[in-house]
Each structure stands twice: as structure tokens, then as C-alpha cells.
Amino acid sequence: ASLAARFVSARSSVTGQQIPGYGVFDVSLQATVPAVPGLRLVGTLYNAFDKRYGDPGALEHTQDSIPADGRVISGRVEYAF
């Protein structure tokens, strides 16, 4: 199991608007399958607390802040041989 944290301070948009800072936490779990040597299962929960935040847009964007995804679940199966 692992926990990752990302913290970003407040920033200014191209129009000078202040975009608030944020903190986001990700949680990952990994498990091996004893019955199948070399098989590993990995699951990750990104933005575990469903924090709503955005990042400053560039000149080609119409909005000052581009909203980020909310909570996202990802899984994968790995097999080493």
C-alpha cells in the first residue's frame, strides 16, 4: 500500500485572477496472487477525497481555471515471466 500527496500553491491566471492552491491524495494497493506466480494486481484511487480544484488556463483557453478530474479509480493486471 502507498499514499501519495500533491500540494500546489496559489497561482495567477493569464488575466491576473488568483487561482487557489490545493492538496490532493492518491492511494495505491498492490497484491500478488500466490496461486499464479508472477501475477500482480494493482489498484489506485486518485484524488481520494474528491477535491475540486483547477489549474490556470493559457491564452487559448476561454476560462481562467481549467477544472481537474474528481475521484478516479484505476486498475491493472501485471504478469512477469
PDB file of N, CA and C in Angstrom:
ATOM      1  N   ALA A   1       0.851  -1.183   0.000  1.00  0.00           N
ATOM      2  CA  ALA A   1       0.000   0.000   0.000  1.00  0.00           C
ATOM      3  C   ALA A   1       0.885   1.230   0.000  1.00  0.00           C
ATOM      4  N   SER A   2       0.414   2.288  -0.630  1.00  0.00           N
ATOM      5  CA  SER A   2       1.155   3.547  -0.627  1.00  0.00           C
ATOM      6  C   SER A   2       0.180   4.718  -0.662  1.00  0.00           C
ATOM      7  N   LEU A   3       0.650   5.837  -0.166  1.00  0.00           N
ATOM      8  CA  LEU A   3      -0.115   7.087  -0.162  1.00  0.00           C
ATOM      9  C   LEU A   3       0.776   8.164  -0.773  1.00  0.00           C
ATOM     10  N   ALA A   4       0.253   8.897  -1.731  1.00  0.00           N
ATOM     11  CA  ALA A   4       0.993   9.999  -2.345  1.00  0.00           C
ATOM     12  C   ALA A   4       0.205  11.283  -2.149  1.00  0.00           C
ATOM     13  N   ALA A   5       0.907  12.357  -1.893  1.00  0.00           N
ATOM     14  CA  ALA A   5       0.263  13.660  -1.700  1.00  0.00           C
ATOM     15  C   ALA A   5       0.870  14.662  -2.673  1.00  0.00           C
ATOM     16  N   ARG A   6       0.006  15.485  -3.254  1.00  0.00           N
ATOM     17  CA  ARG A   6       0.442  16.554  -4.157  1.00  0.00           C
ATOM     18  C   ARG A   6      -0.119  17.868  -3.635  1.00  0.00           C
ATOM     19  N   PHE A   7       0.757  18.832  -3.426  1.00  0.00           N
ATOM     20  CA  PHE A   7       0.333  20.143  -2.950  1.00  0.00           C
ATOM     21  C   PHE A   7       0.815  21.196  -3.938  1.00  0.00           C
ATOM     22  N   VAL A   8      -0.074  22.108  -4.303  1.00  0.00           N
ATOM     23  CA  VAL A   8       0.246  23.188  -5.232  1.00  0.00           C
ATOM     24  C   VAL A   8      -0.220  24.492  -4.602  1.00  0.00           C
ATOM     25  N   SER A   9       0.644  25.497  -4.629  1.00  0.00           N
ATOM     26  CA  SER A   9       0.278  26.796  -4.058  1.00  0.00           C
ATOM     27  C   SER A   9      -0.604  27.579  -5.033  1.00  0.00           C
ATOM     28  N   ALA A  10      -1.142  28.684  -4.556  1.00  0.00           N
ATOM     29  CA  ALA A  10      -1.978  29.548  -5.390  1.00  0.00           C
ATOM     30  C   ALA A  10      -1.144  30.098  -6.544  1.00  0.00           C
ATOM     31  N   ARG A  11      -1.803  30.297  -7.689  1.00  0.00           N
ATOM     32  CA  ARG A  11      -1.136  30.828  -8.875  1.00  0.00           C
ATOM     33  C   ARG A  11      -2.032  31.864  -9.535  1.00  0.00           C
ATOM     34  N   SER A  12      -1.443  32.641 -10.405  1.00  0.00           N
ATOM     35  CA  SER A  12      -2.207  33.651 -11.151  1.00  0.00           C
ATOM     36  C   SER A  12      -2.505  33.130 -12.551  1.00  0.00           C
ATOM     37  N   SER A  13      -3.695  33.459 -13.049  1.00  0.00           N
ATOM     38  CA  SER A  13      -4.051  33.113 -14.425  1.00  0.00           C
ATOM     39  C   SER A  13      -3.471  34.166 -15.361  1.00  0.00           C
ATOM     40  N   VAL A  14      -3.619  33.950 -16.658  1.00  0.00           N
ATOM     41  CA  VAL A  14      -3.092  34.915 -17.633  1.00  0.00           C
ATOM     42  C   VAL A  14      -3.822  36.258 -17.557  1.00  0.00           C
ATOM     43  N   THR A  15      -5.033  36.261 -16.991  1.00  0.00           N
ATOM     44  CA  THR A  15      -5.775  37.522 -16.838  1.00  0.00           C
ATOM     45  C   THR A  15      -5.528  38.173 -15.482  1.00  0.00           C
ATOM     46  N   GLY A  16      -4.678  37.524 -14.646  1.00  0.00           N
ATOM     47  CA  GLY A  16      -4.363  38.082 -13.336  1.00  0.00           C
ATOM     48  C   GLY A  16      -5.233  37.574 -12.207  1.00  0.00           C
ATOM     49  N   GLN A  17      -6.228  36.740 -12.499  1.00  0.00           N
ATOM     50  CA  GLN A  17      -7.083  36.183 -11.444  1.00  0.00           C
ATOM     51  C   GLN A  17      -6.279  35.194 -10.609  1.00  0.00           C
ATOM     52  N   GLN A  18      -6.488  35.224  -9.290  1.00  0.00           N
ATOM     53  CA  GLN A  18      -5.793  34.309  -8.382  1.00  0.00           C
ATOM     54  C   GLN A  18      -6.512  32.954  -8.366  1.00  0.00           C
ATOM     55  N   ILE A  19      -5.801  31.874  -8.724  1.00  0.00           N
ATOM     56  CA  ILE A  19      -6.340  30.518  -8.700  1.00  0.00           C
ATOM     57  C   ILE A  19      -5.877  29.880  -7.392  1.00  0.00           C
ATOM     58  N   PRO A  20      -6.807  29.390  -6.548  1.00  0.00           N
ATOM     59  CA  PRO A  20      -6.413  28.864  -5.241  1.00  0.00           C
ATOM     60  C   PRO A  20      -5.516  27.628  -5.343  1.00  0.00           C
ATOM     61  N   GLY A  21      -4.698  27.443  -4.313  1.00  0.00           N
ATOM     62  CA  GLY A  21      -3.877  26.244  -4.206  1.00  0.00           C
ATOM     63  C   GLY A  21      -4.724  25.049  -3.792  1.00  0.00           C
ATOM     64  N   TYR A  22      -4.110  23.872  -3.781  1.00  0.00           N
ATOM     65  CA  TYR A  22      -4.845  22.657  -3.417  1.00  0.00           C
ATOM     66  C   TYR A  22      -3.900  21.564  -2.944  1.00  0.00           C
ATOM     67  N   GLY A  23      -4.472  20.583  -2.286  1.00  0.00           N
ATOM     68  CA  GLY A  23      -3.764  19.368  -1.885  1.00  0.00           C
ATOM     69  C   GLY A  23      -4.614  18.173  -2.287  1.00  0.00           C
ATOM     70  N   VAL A  24      -3.998  17.183  -2.911  1.00  0.00           N
ATOM     71  CA  VAL A  24      -4.708  16.002  -3.405  1.00  0.00           C
ATOM     72  C   VAL A  24      -3.950  14.752  -2.940  1.00  0.00           C
ATOM     73  N   PHE A  25      -4.690  13.725  -2.533  1.00  0.00           N
ATOM     74  CA  PHE A  25      -4.086  12.480  -2.049  1.00  0.00           C
ATOM     75  C   PHE A  25      -4.489  11.308  -2.941  1.00  0.00           C
ATOM     76  N   ASP A  26      -3.510  10.456  -3.252  1.00  0.00           N
ATOM     77  CA  ASP A  26      -3.727   9.238  -4.038  1.00  0.00           C
ATOM     78  C   ASP A  26      -3.362   8.029  -3.182  1.00  0.00           C
ATOM     79  N   VAL A  27      -4.120   6.949  -3.318  1.00  0.00           N
ATOM     80  CA  VAL A  27      -3.879   5.714  -2.564  1.00  0.00           C
ATOM     81  C   VAL A  27      -3.733   4.563  -3.549  1.00  0.00           C
ATOM     82  N   SER A  28      -2.670   3.760  -3.374  1.00  0.00           N
ATOM     83  CA  SER A  28      -2.450   2.597  -4.244  1.00  0.00           C
ATOM     84  C   SER A  28      -2.342   1.333  -3.399  1.00  0.00           C
ATOM     85  N   LEU A  29      -2.888   0.251  -3.922  1.00  0.00           N
ATOM     86  CA  LEU A  29      -2.771  -1.067  -3.299  1.00  0.00           C
ATOM     87  C   LEU A  29      -2.242  -2.046  -4.331  1.00  0.00           C
ATOM     88  N   GLN A  30      -1.301  -2.897  -3.907  1.00  0.00           N
ATOM     89  CA  GLN A  30      -0.760  -3.934  -4.779  1.00  0.00           C
ATOM     90  C   GLN A  30      -0.880  -5.267  -4.070  1.00  0.00           C
ATOM     91  N   ALA A  31      -1.199  -6.301  -4.826  1.00  0.00           N
ATOM     92  CA  ALA A  31      -1.322  -7.636  -4.252  1.00  0.00           C
ATOM     93  C   ALA A  31      -0.797  -8.666  -5.242  1.00  0.00           C
ATOM     94  N   THR A  32      -0.063  -9.629  -4.731  1.00  0.00           N
ATOM     95  CA  THR A  32       0.359 -10.751  -5.569  1.00  0.00           C
ATOM     96  C   THR A  32      -0.648 -11.873  -5.395  1.00  0.00           C
ATOM     97  N   VAL A  33      -0.746 -12.717  -6.396  1.00  0.00           N
ATOM     98  CA  VAL A  33      -1.677 -13.852  -6.361  1.00  0.00           C
ATOM     99  C   VAL A  33      -0.842 -15.112  -6.167  1.00  0.00           C
ATOM    100  N   PRO A  34      -0.840 -15.692  -4.952  1.00  0.00           N
ATOM    101  CA  PRO A  34       0.011 -16.846  -4.677  1.00  0.00           C
ATOM    102  C   PRO A  34      -0.243 -18.037  -5.606  1.00  0.00           C
ATOM    103  N   ALA A  35      -1.470 -18.211  -6.055  1.00  0.00           N
ATOM    104  CA  ALA A  35      -1.803 -19.359  -6.909  1.00  0.00           C
ATOM    105  C   ALA A  35      -1.210 -19.233  -8.311  1.00  0.00           C
ATOM    106  N   VAL A  36      -0.849 -18.000  -8.711  1.00  0.00           N
ATOM    107  CA  VAL A  36      -0.291 -17.765 -10.049  1.00  0.00           C
ATOM    108  C   VAL A  36       1.011 -16.973  -9.892  1.00  0.00           C
ATOM    109  N   PRO A  37       2.162 -17.666  -9.851  1.00  0.00           N
ATOM    110  CA  PRO A  37       3.433 -16.951  -9.695  1.00  0.00           C
ATOM    111  C   PRO A  37       3.634 -15.915 -10.810  1.00  0.00           C
ATOM    112  N   GLY A  38       4.076 -14.728 -10.429  1.00  0.00           N
ATOM    113  CA  GLY A  38       4.315 -13.664 -11.389  1.00  0.00           C
ATOM    114  C   GLY A  38       3.123 -12.755 -11.639  1.00  0.00           C
ATOM    115  N   LEU A  39       1.969 -13.081 -11.067  1.00  0.00           N
ATOM    116  CA  LEU A  39       0.761 -12.266 -11.276  1.00  0.00           C
ATOM    117  C   LEU A  39       0.627 -11.253 -10.150  1.00  0.00           C
ATOM    118  N   ARG A  40       0.418 -10.002 -10.525  1.00  0.00           N
ATOM    119  CA  ARG A  40       0.244  -8.943  -9.540  1.00  0.00           C
ATOM    120  C   ARG A  40      -0.941  -8.081  -9.940  1.00  0.00           C
ATOM    121  N   LEU A  41      -1.754  -7.697  -8.971  1.00  0.00           N
ATOM    122  CA  LEU A  41      -2.908  -6.817  -9.169  1.00  0.00           C
ATOM    123  C   LEU A  41      -2.598  -5.471  -8.523  1.00  0.00           C
ATOM    124  N   VAL A  42      -2.897  -4.400  -9.231  1.00  0.00           N
ATOM    125  CA  VAL A  42      -2.614  -3.057  -8.733  1.00  0.00           C
ATOM    126  C   VAL A  42      -3.874  -2.204  -8.892  1.00  0.00           C
ATOM    127  N   GLY A  43      -4.252  -1.523  -7.841  1.00  0.00           N
ATOM    128  CA  GLY A  43      -5.384  -0.608  -7.887  1.00  0.00           C
ATOM    129  C   GLY A  43      -4.988   0.735  -7.304  1.00  0.00           C
ATOM    130  N   THR A  44      -5.410   1.809  -7.946  1.00  0.00           N
ATOM    131  CA  THR A  44      -5.077   3.154  -7.465  1.00  0.00           C
ATOM    132  C   THR A  44      -6.335   4.017  -7.446  1.00  0.00           C
ATOM    133  N   LEU A  45      -6.485   4.748  -6.371  1.00  0.00           N
ATOM    134  CA  LEU A  45      -7.565   5.716  -6.222  1.00  0.00           C
ATOM    135  C   LEU A  45      -6.920   7.099  -6.243  1.00  0.00           C
ATOM    136  N   TYR A  46      -7.104   7.819  -7.344  1.00  0.00           N
ATOM    137  CA  TYR A  46      -6.556   9.166  -7.486  1.00  0.00           C
ATOM    138  C   TYR A  46      -7.558  10.170  -6.939  1.00  0.00           C
ATOM    139  N   ASN A  47      -7.054  11.225  -6.303  1.00  0.00           N
ATOM    140  CA  ASN A  47      -7.899  12.262  -5.707  1.00  0.00           C
ATOM    141  C   ASN A  47      -8.908  11.600  -4.759  1.00  0.00           C
ATOM    142  N   ALA A  48      -8.372  10.875  -3.795  1.00  0.00           N
ATOM    143  CA  ALA A  48      -9.171  10.026  -2.897  1.00  0.00           C
ATOM    144  C   ALA A  48     -10.305  10.769  -2.186  1.00  0.00           C
ATOM    145  N   PHE A  49     -10.110  12.038  -1.869  1.00  0.00           N
ATOM    146  CA  PHE A  49     -11.134  12.787  -1.138  1.00  0.00           C
ATOM    147  C   PHE A  49     -11.988  13.651  -2.061  1.00  0.00           C
ATOM    148  N   ASP A  50     -11.888  13.407  -3.377  1.00  0.00           N
ATOM    149  CA  ASP A  50     -12.704  14.084  -4.385  1.00  0.00           C
ATOM    150  C   ASP A  50     -12.618  15.611  -4.281  1.00  0.00           C
ATOM    151  N   LYS A  51     -11.395  16.103  -4.132  1.00  0.00           N
ATOM    152  CA  LYS A  51     -11.141  17.550  -4.035  1.00  0.00           C
ATOM    153  C   LYS A  51     -11.439  18.216  -5.373  1.00  0.00           C
ATOM    154  N   ARG A  52     -12.192  19.299  -5.355  1.00  0.00           N
ATOM    155  CA  ARG A  52     -12.483  20.074  -6.562  1.00  0.00           C
ATOM    156  C   ARG A  52     -11.439  21.175  -6.681  1.00  0.00           C
ATOM    157  N   TYR A  53     -10.710  21.190  -7.778  1.00  0.00           N
ATOM    158  CA  TYR A  53      -9.674  22.190  -7.980  1.00  0.00           C
ATOM    159  C   TYR A  53      -9.472  22.414  -9.471  1.00  0.00           C
ATOM    160  N   GLY A  54      -8.695  23.420  -9.786  1.00  0.00           N
ATOM    161  CA  GLY A  54      -8.413  23.725 -11.186  1.00  0.00           C
ATOM    162  C   GLY A  54      -7.018  24.288 -11.337  1.00  0.00           C
ATOM    163  N   ASP A  55      -6.547  24.298 -12.552  1.00  0.00           N
ATOM    164  CA  ASP A  55      -5.245  24.853 -12.874  1.00  0.00           C
ATOM    165  C   ASP A  55      -5.436  26.016 -13.841  1.00  0.00           C
ATOM    166  N   PRO A  56      -4.533  27.006 -13.804  1.00  0.00           N
ATOM    167  CA  PRO A  56      -4.681  28.161 -14.688  1.00  0.00           C
ATOM    168  C   PRO A  56      -4.665  27.753 -16.162  1.00  0.00           C
ATOM    169  N   GLY A  57      -5.523  28.378 -16.938  1.00  0.00           N
ATOM    170  CA  GLY A  57      -5.543  28.148 -18.376  1.00  0.00           C
ATOM    171  C   GLY A  57      -4.500  29.016 -19.068  1.00  0.00           C
ATOM    172  N   ALA A  58      -4.291  28.758 -20.338  1.00  0.00           N
ATOM    173  CA  ALA A  58      -3.354  29.552 -21.142  1.00  0.00           C
ATOM    174  C   ALA A  58      -4.152  30.515 -22.017  1.00  0.00           C
ATOM    175  N   LEU A  59      -3.470  31.234 -22.882  1.00  0.00           N
ATOM    176  CA  LEU A  59      -4.133  32.238 -23.720  1.00  0.00           C
ATOM    177  C   LEU A  59      -5.211  31.647 -24.623  1.00  0.00           C
ATOM    178  N   GLU A  60      -5.046  30.395 -25.054  1.00  0.00           N
ATOM    179  CA  GLU A  60      -6.024  29.795 -25.966  1.00  0.00           C
ATOM    180  C   GLU A  60      -7.288  29.290 -25.260  1.00  0.00           C
ATOM    181  N   HIS A  61      -7.319  29.342 -23.923  1.00  0.00           N
ATOM    182  CA  HIS A  61      -8.496  28.892 -23.178  1.00  0.00           C
ATOM    183  C   HIS A  61      -9.414  30.075 -22.866  1.00  0.00           C
ATOM    184  N   THR A  62     -10.699  29.827 -22.865  1.00  0.00           N
ATOM    185  CA  THR A  62     -11.643  30.899 -22.542  1.00  0.00           C
ATOM    186  C   THR A  62     -11.841  31.055 -21.038  1.00  0.00           C
ATOM    187  N   GLN A  63     -11.562  30.024 -20.253  1.00  0.00           N
ATOM    188  CA  GLN A  63     -11.735  30.108 -18.808  1.00  0.00           C
ATOM    189  C   GLN A  63     -10.386  30.348 -18.115  1.00  0.00           C
ATOM    190  N   ASP A  64     -10.430  31.039 -16.969  1.00  0.00           N
ATOM    191  CA  ASP A  64      -9.210  31.314 -16.199  1.00  0.00           C
ATOM    192  C   ASP A  64      -8.670  30.056 -15.535  1.00  0.00           C
ATOM    193  N   SER A  65      -9.575  29.180 -15.099  1.00  0.00           N
ATOM    194  CA  SER A  65      -9.180  27.962 -14.392  1.00  0.00           C
ATOM    195  C   SER A  65      -9.772  26.745 -15.106  1.00  0.00           C
ATOM    196  N   ILE A  66      -8.922  25.771 -15.413  1.00  0.00           N
ATOM    197  CA  ILE A  66      -9.366  24.543 -16.063  1.00  0.00           C
ATOM    198  C   ILE A  66      -9.658  23.523 -14.970  1.00  0.00           C
ATOM    199  N   PRO A  67     -10.921  23.065 -14.826  1.00  0.00           N
ATOM    200  CA  PRO A  67     -11.242  22.113 -13.766  1.00  0.00           C
ATOM    201  C   PRO A  67     -10.539  20.773 -13.985  1.00  0.00           C
ATOM    202  N   ALA A  68     -10.081  20.195 -12.886  1.00  0.00           N
ATOM    203  CA  ALA A  68      -9.431  18.883 -12.926  1.00  0.00           C
ATOM    204  C   ALA A  68     -10.470  17.790 -12.677  1.00  0.00           C
ATOM    205  N   ASP A  69     -10.096  16.552 -13.008  1.00  0.00           N
ATOM    206  CA  ASP A  69     -10.986  15.421 -12.749  1.00  0.00           C
ATOM    207  C   ASP A  69     -11.202  15.260 -11.248  1.00  0.00           C
ATOM    208  N   GLY A  70     -12.339  14.716 -10.888  1.00  0.00           N
ATOM    209  CA  GLY A  70     -12.602  14.374  -9.493  1.00  0.00           C
ATOM    210  C   GLY A  70     -11.944  13.041  -9.165  1.00  0.00           C
ATOM    211  N   ARG A  71     -12.568  12.262  -8.344  1.00  0.00           N
ATOM    212  CA  ARG A  71     -12.037  10.956  -7.946  1.00  0.00           C
ATOM    213  C   ARG A  71     -11.971  10.032  -9.159  1.00  0.00           C
ATOM    214  N   VAL A  72     -10.849   9.342  -9.319  1.00  0.00           N
ATOM    215  CA  VAL A  72     -10.641   8.415 -10.441  1.00  0.00           C
ATOM    216  C   VAL A  72     -10.080   7.106  -9.895  1.00  0.00           C
ATOM    217  N   ILE A  73     -10.640   5.981 -10.350  1.00  0.00           N
ATOM    218  CA  ILE A  73     -10.154   4.659  -9.955  1.00  0.00           C
ATOM    219  C   ILE A  73      -9.497   4.012 -11.159  1.00  0.00           C
ATOM    220  N   SER A  74      -8.312   3.447 -10.928  1.00  0.00           N
ATOM    221  CA  SER A  74      -7.568   2.785 -11.987  1.00  0.00           C
ATOM    222  C   SER A  74      -7.109   1.417 -11.489  1.00  0.00           C
ATOM    223  N   GLY A  75      -7.129   0.445 -12.364  1.00  0.00           N
ATOM    224  CA  GLY A  75      -6.651  -0.887 -12.005  1.00  0.00           C
ATOM    225  C   GLY A  75      -5.875  -1.503 -13.149  1.00  0.00           C
ATOM    226  N   ARG A  76      -4.950  -2.389 -12.798  1.00  0.00           N
ATOM    227  CA  ARG A  76      -4.213  -3.085 -13.827  1.00  0.00           C
ATOM    228  C   ARG A  76      -3.776  -4.452 -13.327  1.00  0.00           C
ATOM    229  N   VAL A  77      -3.517  -5.321 -14.279  1.00  0.00           N
ATOM    230  CA  VAL A  77      -3.029  -6.657 -14.004  1.00  0.00           C
ATOM    231  C   VAL A  77      -1.656  -6.778 -14.648  1.00  0.00           C
ATOM    232  N   GLU A  78      -0.664  -7.201 -13.868  1.00  0.00           N
ATOM    233  CA  GLU A  78       0.701  -7.374 -14.367  1.00  0.00           C
ATOM    234  C   GLU A  78       1.082  -8.846 -14.267  1.00  0.00           C
ATOM    235  N   TYR A  79       1.783  -9.320 -15.274  1.00  0.00           N
ATOM    236  CA  TYR A  79       2.272 -10.702 -15.255  1.00  0.00           C
ATOM    237  C   TYR A  79       3.731 -10.702 -15.694  1.00  0.00           C
ATOM    238  N   ALA A  80       4.599 -11.165 -14.829  1.00  0.00           N
ATOM    239  CA  ALA A  80       6.022 -11.246 -15.138  1.00  0.00           C
ATOM    240  C   ALA A  80       6.395 -12.697 -15.417  1.00  0.00           C
ATOM    241  N   PHE A  81       7.139 -12.904 -16.481  1.00  0.00           N
ATOM    242  CA  PHE A  81       7.557 -14.269 -16.820  1.00  0.00           C
ATOM    243  C   PHE A  81       9.009 -14.295 -17.216  1.00  0.00           C
TER     244      PHE A  81
END
